Amino acid sequence: MEIKARMPGQIMAINVAVGDAVNAKDSLGTIEAMKMEQPIPCPKAGTVKEISVAVGDKVKSGQVLIVIE
């Protein structure tokens, strides 16, 4: 499952690493959008397979941030 940016913004934090087990509703990181920090929620339990962004990256709406399997 691909976790995508809901809106354009800047990555402020990444709270997981590749290989980490995550649960539904865990915060995977934080994105700053429209001058507000928004958590990046995990929609389902799984394992982090890929992280496509780094702290400080600017992202577009719909851009893949993290892949969970």
PDB file of N, CA and C in Angstrom:
ATOM      1  N   MET A   1       0.845  -1.167   0.000  1.00  0.00           N
ATOM      2  CA  MET A   1       0.000   0.000   0.000  1.00  0.00           C
ATOM      3  C   MET A   1       0.894   1.233   0.000  1.00  0.00           C
ATOM      4  N   GLU A   2       0.580   2.178  -0.891  1.00  0.00           N
ATOM      5  CA  GLU A   2       1.333   3.418  -0.975  1.00  0.00           C
ATOM      6  C   GLU A   2       0.674   4.495  -0.115  1.00  0.00           C
ATOM      7  N   ILE A   3       1.465   5.158   0.715  1.00  0.00           N
ATOM      8  CA  ILE A   3       0.993   6.284   1.506  1.00  0.00           C
ATOM      9  C   ILE A   3       1.394   7.530   0.722  1.00  0.00           C
ATOM     10  N   LYS A   4       0.419   8.328   0.332  1.00  0.00           N
ATOM     11  CA  LYS A   4       0.664   9.498  -0.513  1.00  0.00           C
ATOM     12  C   LYS A   4       0.370  10.789   0.236  1.00  0.00           C
ATOM     13  N   ALA A   5       1.019  11.856  -0.206  1.00  0.00           N
ATOM     14  CA  ALA A   5       0.773  13.180   0.368  1.00  0.00           C
ATOM     15  C   ALA A   5      -0.642  13.622   0.005  1.00  0.00           C
ATOM     16  N   ARG A   6      -1.386  14.096   0.995  1.00  0.00           N
ATOM     17  CA  ARG A   6      -2.749  14.574   0.748  1.00  0.00           C
ATOM     18  C   ARG A   6      -2.759  15.954   0.116  1.00  0.00           C
ATOM     19  N   MET A   7      -1.688  16.722   0.374  1.00  0.00           N
ATOM     20  CA  MET A   7      -1.583  18.074  -0.166  1.00  0.00           C
ATOM     21  C   MET A   7      -0.102  18.413  -0.289  1.00  0.00           C
ATOM     22  N   PRO A   8       0.230  19.443  -1.067  1.00  0.00           N
ATOM     23  CA  PRO A   8       1.637  19.819  -1.178  1.00  0.00           C
ATOM     24  C   PRO A   8       2.159  20.346   0.154  1.00  0.00           C
ATOM     25  N   GLY A   9       3.429  20.118   0.419  1.00  0.00           N
ATOM     26  CA  GLY A   9       4.015  20.592   1.661  1.00  0.00           C
ATOM     27  C   GLY A   9       5.463  20.181   1.776  1.00  0.00           C
ATOM     28  N   GLN A  10       5.978  20.221   3.004  1.00  0.00           N
ATOM     29  CA  GLN A  10       7.374  19.873   3.275  1.00  0.00           C
ATOM     30  C   GLN A  10       7.417  18.827   4.381  1.00  0.00           C
ATOM     31  N   ILE A  11       8.258  17.814   4.196  1.00  0.00           N
ATOM     32  CA  ILE A  11       8.405  16.758   5.197  1.00  0.00           C
ATOM     33  C   ILE A  11       9.188  17.322   6.386  1.00  0.00           C
ATOM     34  N   MET A  12       8.587  17.248   7.561  1.00  0.00           N
ATOM     35  CA  MET A  12       9.206  17.772   8.781  1.00  0.00           C
ATOM     36  C   MET A  12       9.822  16.658   9.624  1.00  0.00           C
ATOM     37  N   ALA A  13       9.260  15.434   9.551  1.00  0.00           N
ATOM     38  CA  ALA A  13       9.778  14.314  10.338  1.00  0.00           C
ATOM     39  C   ALA A  13       9.376  12.997   9.687  1.00  0.00           C
ATOM     40  N   ILE A  14      10.239  12.004   9.831  1.00  0.00           N
ATOM     41  CA  ILE A  14       9.941  10.622   9.450  1.00  0.00           C
ATOM     42  C   ILE A  14      10.140   9.805  10.717  1.00  0.00           C
ATOM     43  N   ASN A  15       9.097   9.118  11.173  1.00  0.00           N
ATOM     44  CA  ASN A  15       9.140   8.405  12.453  1.00  0.00           C
ATOM     45  C   ASN A  15       9.420   6.907  12.320  1.00  0.00           C
ATOM     46  N   VAL A  16       9.616   6.420  11.097  1.00  0.00           N
ATOM     47  CA  VAL A  16       9.814   4.986  10.872  1.00  0.00           C
ATOM     48  C   VAL A  16      11.044   4.763   9.997  1.00  0.00           C
ATOM     49  N   ALA A  17      11.485   3.522   9.944  1.00  0.00           N
ATOM     50  CA  ALA A  17      12.593   3.119   9.080  1.00  0.00           C
ATOM     51  C   ALA A  17      12.152   1.886   8.290  1.00  0.00           C
ATOM     52  N   VAL A  18      12.829   1.626   7.193  1.00  0.00           N
ATOM     53  CA  VAL A  18      12.534   0.434   6.396  1.00  0.00           C
ATOM     54  C   VAL A  18      12.685  -0.796   7.282  1.00  0.00           C
ATOM     55  N   GLY A  19      11.689  -1.676   7.228  1.00  0.00           N
ATOM     56  CA  GLY A  19      11.699  -2.894   8.023  1.00  0.00           C
ATOM     57  C   GLY A  19      10.911  -2.791   9.323  1.00  0.00           C
ATOM     58  N   ASP A  20      10.532  -1.575   9.719  1.00  0.00           N
ATOM     59  CA  ASP A  20       9.750  -1.399  10.949  1.00  0.00           C
ATOM     60  C   ASP A  20       8.339  -1.956  10.789  1.00  0.00           C
ATOM     61  N   ALA A  21       7.848  -2.588  11.848  1.00  0.00           N
ATOM     62  CA  ALA A  21       6.446  -3.022  11.899  1.00  0.00           C
ATOM     63  C   ALA A  21       5.628  -1.830  12.371  1.00  0.00           C
ATOM     64  N   VAL A  22       4.492  -1.577  11.709  1.00  0.00           N
ATOM     65  CA  VAL A  22       3.622  -0.459  12.068  1.00  0.00           C
ATOM     66  C   VAL A  22       2.188  -0.958  12.242  1.00  0.00           C
ATOM     67  N   ASN A  23       1.434  -0.235  13.039  1.00  0.00           N
ATOM     68  CA  ASN A  23       0.035  -0.548  13.283  1.00  0.00           C
ATOM     69  C   ASN A  23      -0.849   0.535  12.674  1.00  0.00           C
ATOM     70  N   ALA A  24      -2.103   0.202  12.461  1.00  0.00           N
ATOM     71  CA  ALA A  24      -3.059   1.192  11.955  1.00  0.00           C
ATOM     72  C   ALA A  24      -3.087   2.372  12.914  1.00  0.00           C
ATOM     73  N   LYS A  25      -3.154   3.556  12.358  1.00  0.00           N
ATOM     74  CA  LYS A  25      -3.227   4.837  13.072  1.00  0.00           C
ATOM     75  C   LYS A  25      -1.902   5.295  13.669  1.00  0.00           C
ATOM     76  N   ASP A  26      -0.801   4.532  13.493  1.00  0.00           N
ATOM     77  CA  ASP A  26       0.512   5.025  13.911  1.00  0.00           C
ATOM     78  C   ASP A  26       0.867   6.251  13.079  1.00  0.00           C
ATOM     79  N   SER A  27       1.643   7.156  13.654  1.00  0.00           N
ATOM     80  CA  SER A  27       2.121   8.322  12.911  1.00  0.00           C
ATOM     81  C   SER A  27       3.430   7.937  12.230  1.00  0.00           C
ATOM     82  N   LEU A  28       3.427   7.967  10.900  1.00  0.00           N
ATOM     83  CA  LEU A  28       4.616   7.608  10.133  1.00  0.00           C
ATOM     84  C   LEU A  28       5.583   8.772  10.017  1.00  0.00           C
ATOM     85  N   GLY A  29       5.063   9.971  10.206  1.00  0.00           N
ATOM     86  CA  GLY A  29       5.885  11.172  10.099  1.00  0.00           C
ATOM     87  C   GLY A  29       4.999  12.401  10.170  1.00  0.00           C
ATOM     88  N   THR A  30       5.586  13.549   9.790  1.00  0.00           N
ATOM     89  CA  THR A  30       4.865  14.813   9.835  1.00  0.00           C
ATOM     90  C   THR A  30       5.155  15.598   8.565  1.00  0.00           C
ATOM     91  N   ILE A  31       4.104  16.201   8.012  1.00  0.00           N
ATOM     92  CA  ILE A  31       4.238  17.070   6.856  1.00  0.00           C
ATOM     93  C   ILE A  31       3.698  18.447   7.226  1.00  0.00           C
ATOM     94  N   GLU A  32       4.402  19.492   6.829  1.00  0.00           N
ATOM     95  CA  GLU A  32       3.914  20.848   7.054  1.00  0.00           C
ATOM     96  C   GLU A  32       3.236  21.297   5.766  1.00  0.00           C
ATOM     97  N   ALA A  33       1.958  21.617   5.881  1.00  0.00           N
ATOM     98  CA  ALA A  33       1.174  22.059   4.725  1.00  0.00           C
ATOM     99  C   ALA A  33       0.304  23.224   5.168  1.00  0.00           C
ATOM    100  N   MET A  34       0.304  24.270   4.396  1.00  0.00           N
ATOM    101  CA  MET A  34      -0.510  25.450   4.695  1.00  0.00           C
ATOM    102  C   MET A  34      -0.198  25.993   6.092  1.00  0.00           C
ATOM    103  N   LYS A  35       1.107  25.997   6.452  1.00  0.00           N
ATOM    104  CA  LYS A  35       1.609  26.515   7.729  1.00  0.00           C
ATOM    105  C   LYS A  35       1.103  25.741   8.945  1.00  0.00           C
ATOM    106  N   MET A  36       0.649  24.504   8.730  1.00  0.00           N
ATOM    107  CA  MET A  36       0.203  23.652   9.827  1.00  0.00           C
ATOM    108  C   MET A  36       0.914  22.306   9.708  1.00  0.00           C
ATOM    109  N   GLU A  37       1.320  21.745  10.832  1.00  0.00           N
ATOM    110  CA  GLU A  37       1.932  20.419  10.816  1.00  0.00           C
ATOM    111  C   GLU A  37       0.840  19.363  10.889  1.00  0.00           C
ATOM    112  N   GLN A  38       0.881  18.431   9.944  1.00  0.00           N
ATOM    113  CA  GLN A  38      -0.112  17.366   9.857  1.00  0.00           C
ATOM    114  C   GLN A  38       0.589  16.016  10.012  1.00  0.00           C
ATOM    115  N   PRO A  39       0.065  15.125  10.866  1.00  0.00           N
ATOM    116  CA  PRO A  39       0.657  13.783  10.961  1.00  0.00           C
ATOM    117  C   PRO A  39       0.365  12.991   9.688  1.00  0.00           C
ATOM    118  N   ILE A  40       1.242  12.058   9.384  1.00  0.00           N
ATOM    119  CA  ILE A  40       1.033  11.133   8.267  1.00  0.00           C
ATOM    120  C   ILE A  40       0.586   9.821   8.902  1.00  0.00           C
ATOM    121  N   PRO A  41      -0.723   9.532   8.907  1.00  0.00           N
ATOM    122  CA  PRO A  41      -1.212   8.332   9.594  1.00  0.00           C
ATOM    123  C   PRO A  41      -1.026   7.063   8.760  1.00  0.00           C
ATOM    124  N   CYS A  42      -0.847   5.956   9.457  1.00  0.00           N
ATOM    125  CA  CYS A  42      -0.757   4.648   8.802  1.00  0.00           C
ATOM    126  C   CYS A  42      -2.172   4.079   8.702  1.00  0.00           C
ATOM    127  N   PRO A  43      -2.651   3.747   7.507  1.00  0.00           N
ATOM    128  CA  PRO A  43      -4.025   3.257   7.357  1.00  0.00           C
ATOM    129  C   PRO A  43      -4.244   1.804   7.789  1.00  0.00           C
ATOM    130  N   LYS A  44      -3.156   1.000   7.809  1.00  0.00           N
ATOM    131  CA  LYS A  44      -3.309  -0.406   8.197  1.00  0.00           C
ATOM    132  C   LYS A  44      -1.997  -0.927   8.755  1.00  0.00           C
ATOM    133  N   ALA A  45      -2.064  -2.030   9.465  1.00  0.00           N
ATOM    134  CA  ALA A  45      -0.863  -2.646  10.022  1.00  0.00           C
ATOM    135  C   ALA A  45      -0.039  -3.281   8.901  1.00  0.00           C
ATOM    136  N   GLY A  46       1.265  -3.296   9.078  1.00  0.00           N
ATOM    137  CA  GLY A  46       2.146  -3.907   8.090  1.00  0.00           C
ATOM    138  C   GLY A  46       3.597  -3.624   8.410  1.00  0.00           C
ATOM    139  N   THR A  47       4.428  -3.729   7.385  1.00  0.00           N
ATOM    140  CA  THR A  47       5.866  -3.487   7.517  1.00  0.00           C
ATOM    141  C   THR A  47       6.272  -2.415   6.507  1.00  0.00           C
ATOM    142  N   VAL A  48       7.117  -1.493   6.937  1.00  0.00           N
ATOM    143  CA  VAL A  48       7.597  -0.435   6.041  1.00  0.00           C
ATOM    144  C   VAL A  48       8.533  -1.076   5.023  1.00  0.00           C
ATOM    145  N   LYS A  49       8.161  -0.960   3.746  1.00  0.00           N
ATOM    146  CA  LYS A  49       8.959  -1.546   2.666  1.00  0.00           C
ATOM    147  C   LYS A  49       9.879  -0.509   2.043  1.00  0.00           C
ATOM    148  N   GLU A  50       9.412   0.735   1.930  1.00  0.00           N
ATOM    149  CA  GLU A  50      10.179   1.771   1.242  1.00  0.00           C
ATOM    150  C   GLU A  50       9.811   3.136   1.791  1.00  0.00           C
ATOM    151  N   ILE A  51      10.798   4.015   1.895  1.00  0.00           N
ATOM    152  CA  ILE A  51      10.569   5.416   2.254  1.00  0.00           C
ATOM    153  C   ILE A  51      11.122   6.244   1.102  1.00  0.00           C
ATOM    154  N   SER A  52      10.246   6.994   0.440  1.00  0.00           N
ATOM    155  CA  SER A  52      10.619   7.697  -0.788  1.00  0.00           C
ATOM    156  C   SER A  52      10.991   9.148  -0.570  1.00  0.00           C
ATOM    157  N   VAL A  53      10.929   9.630   0.668  1.00  0.00           N
ATOM    158  CA  VAL A  53      11.213  11.036   0.955  1.00  0.00           C
ATOM    159  C   VAL A  53      12.148  11.136   2.163  1.00  0.00           C
ATOM    160  N   ALA A  54      12.712  12.315   2.350  1.00  0.00           N
ATOM    161  CA  ALA A  54      13.573  12.589   3.499  1.00  0.00           C
ATOM    162  C   ALA A  54      13.114  13.887   4.152  1.00  0.00           C
ATOM    163  N   VAL A  55      13.517  14.086   5.383  1.00  0.00           N
ATOM    164  CA  VAL A  55      13.178  15.319   6.094  1.00  0.00           C
ATOM    165  C   VAL A  55      13.701  16.508   5.288  1.00  0.00           C
ATOM    166  N   GLY A  56      12.837  17.499   5.109  1.00  0.00           N
ATOM    167  CA  GLY A  56      13.195  18.690   4.347  1.00  0.00           C
ATOM    168  C   GLY A  56      12.719  18.665   2.906  1.00  0.00           C
ATOM    169  N   ASP A  57      12.344  17.485   2.399  1.00  0.00           N
ATOM    170  CA  ASP A  57      11.860  17.388   1.014  1.00  0.00           C
ATOM    171  C   ASP A  57      10.532  18.114   0.854  1.00  0.00           C
ATOM    172  N   LYS A  58      10.382  18.788  -0.277  1.00  0.00           N
ATOM    173  CA  LYS A  58       9.087  19.371  -0.640  1.00  0.00           C
ATOM    174  C   LYS A  58       8.368  18.343  -1.487  1.00  0.00           C
ATOM    175  N   VAL A  59       7.087  18.118  -1.188  1.00  0.00           N
ATOM    176  CA  VAL A  59       6.320  17.098  -1.891  1.00  0.00           C
ATOM    177  C   VAL A  59       5.085  17.704  -2.541  1.00  0.00           C
ATOM    178  N   LYS A  60       4.621  17.032  -3.580  1.00  0.00           N
ATOM    179  CA  LYS A  60       3.414  17.448  -4.289  1.00  0.00           C
ATOM    180  C   LYS A  60       2.245  16.595  -3.825  1.00  0.00           C
ATOM    181  N   SER A  61       1.059  17.086  -4.015  1.00  0.00           N
ATOM    182  CA  SER A  61      -0.146  16.328  -3.686  1.00  0.00           C
ATOM    183  C   SER A  61      -0.155  15.033  -4.499  1.00  0.00           C
ATOM    184  N   GLY A  62      -0.381  13.912  -3.832  1.00  0.00           N
ATOM    185  CA  GLY A  62      -0.429  12.616  -4.512  1.00  0.00           C
ATOM    186  C   GLY A  62       0.911  11.918  -4.634  1.00  0.00           C
ATOM    187  N   GLN A  63       1.993  12.570  -4.216  1.00  0.00           N
ATOM    188  CA  GLN A  63       3.321  11.959  -4.298  1.00  0.00           C
ATOM    189  C   GLN A  63       3.432  10.832  -3.278  1.00  0.00           C
ATOM    190  N   VAL A  64       4.027   9.716  -3.683  1.00  0.00           N
ATOM    191  CA  VAL A  64       4.221   8.572  -2.783  1.00  0.00           C
ATOM    192  C   VAL A  64       5.295   8.925  -1.757  1.00  0.00           C
ATOM    193  N   LEU A  65       4.963   8.742  -0.474  1.00  0.00           N
ATOM    194  CA  LEU A  65       5.873   9.035   0.619  1.00  0.00           C
ATOM    195  C   LEU A  65       6.487   7.762   1.185  1.00  0.00           C
ATOM    196  N   ILE A  66       5.620   6.789   1.493  1.00  0.00           N
ATOM    197  CA  ILE A  66       6.042   5.552   2.154  1.00  0.00           C
ATOM    198  C   ILE A  66       5.237   4.390   1.585  1.00  0.00           C
ATOM    199  N   VAL A  67       5.876   3.230   1.458  1.00  0.00           N
ATOM    200  CA  VAL A  67       5.185   2.023   0.989  1.00  0.00           C
ATOM    201  C   VAL A  67       5.135   1.032   2.160  1.00  0.00           C
ATOM    202  N   ILE A  68       3.921   0.542   2.462  1.00  0.00           N
ATOM    203  CA  ILE A  68       3.683  -0.437   3.518  1.00  0.00           C
ATOM    204  C   ILE A  68       3.239  -1.745   2.857  1.00  0.00           C
ATOM    205  N   GLU A  69       3.801  -2.865   3.324  1.00  0.00           N
ATOM    206  CA  GLU A  69       3.327  -4.168   2.788  1.00  0.00           C
ATOM    207  C   GLU A  69       2.795  -5.028   3.899  1.00  0.00           C
TER     208      GLU A  69
END
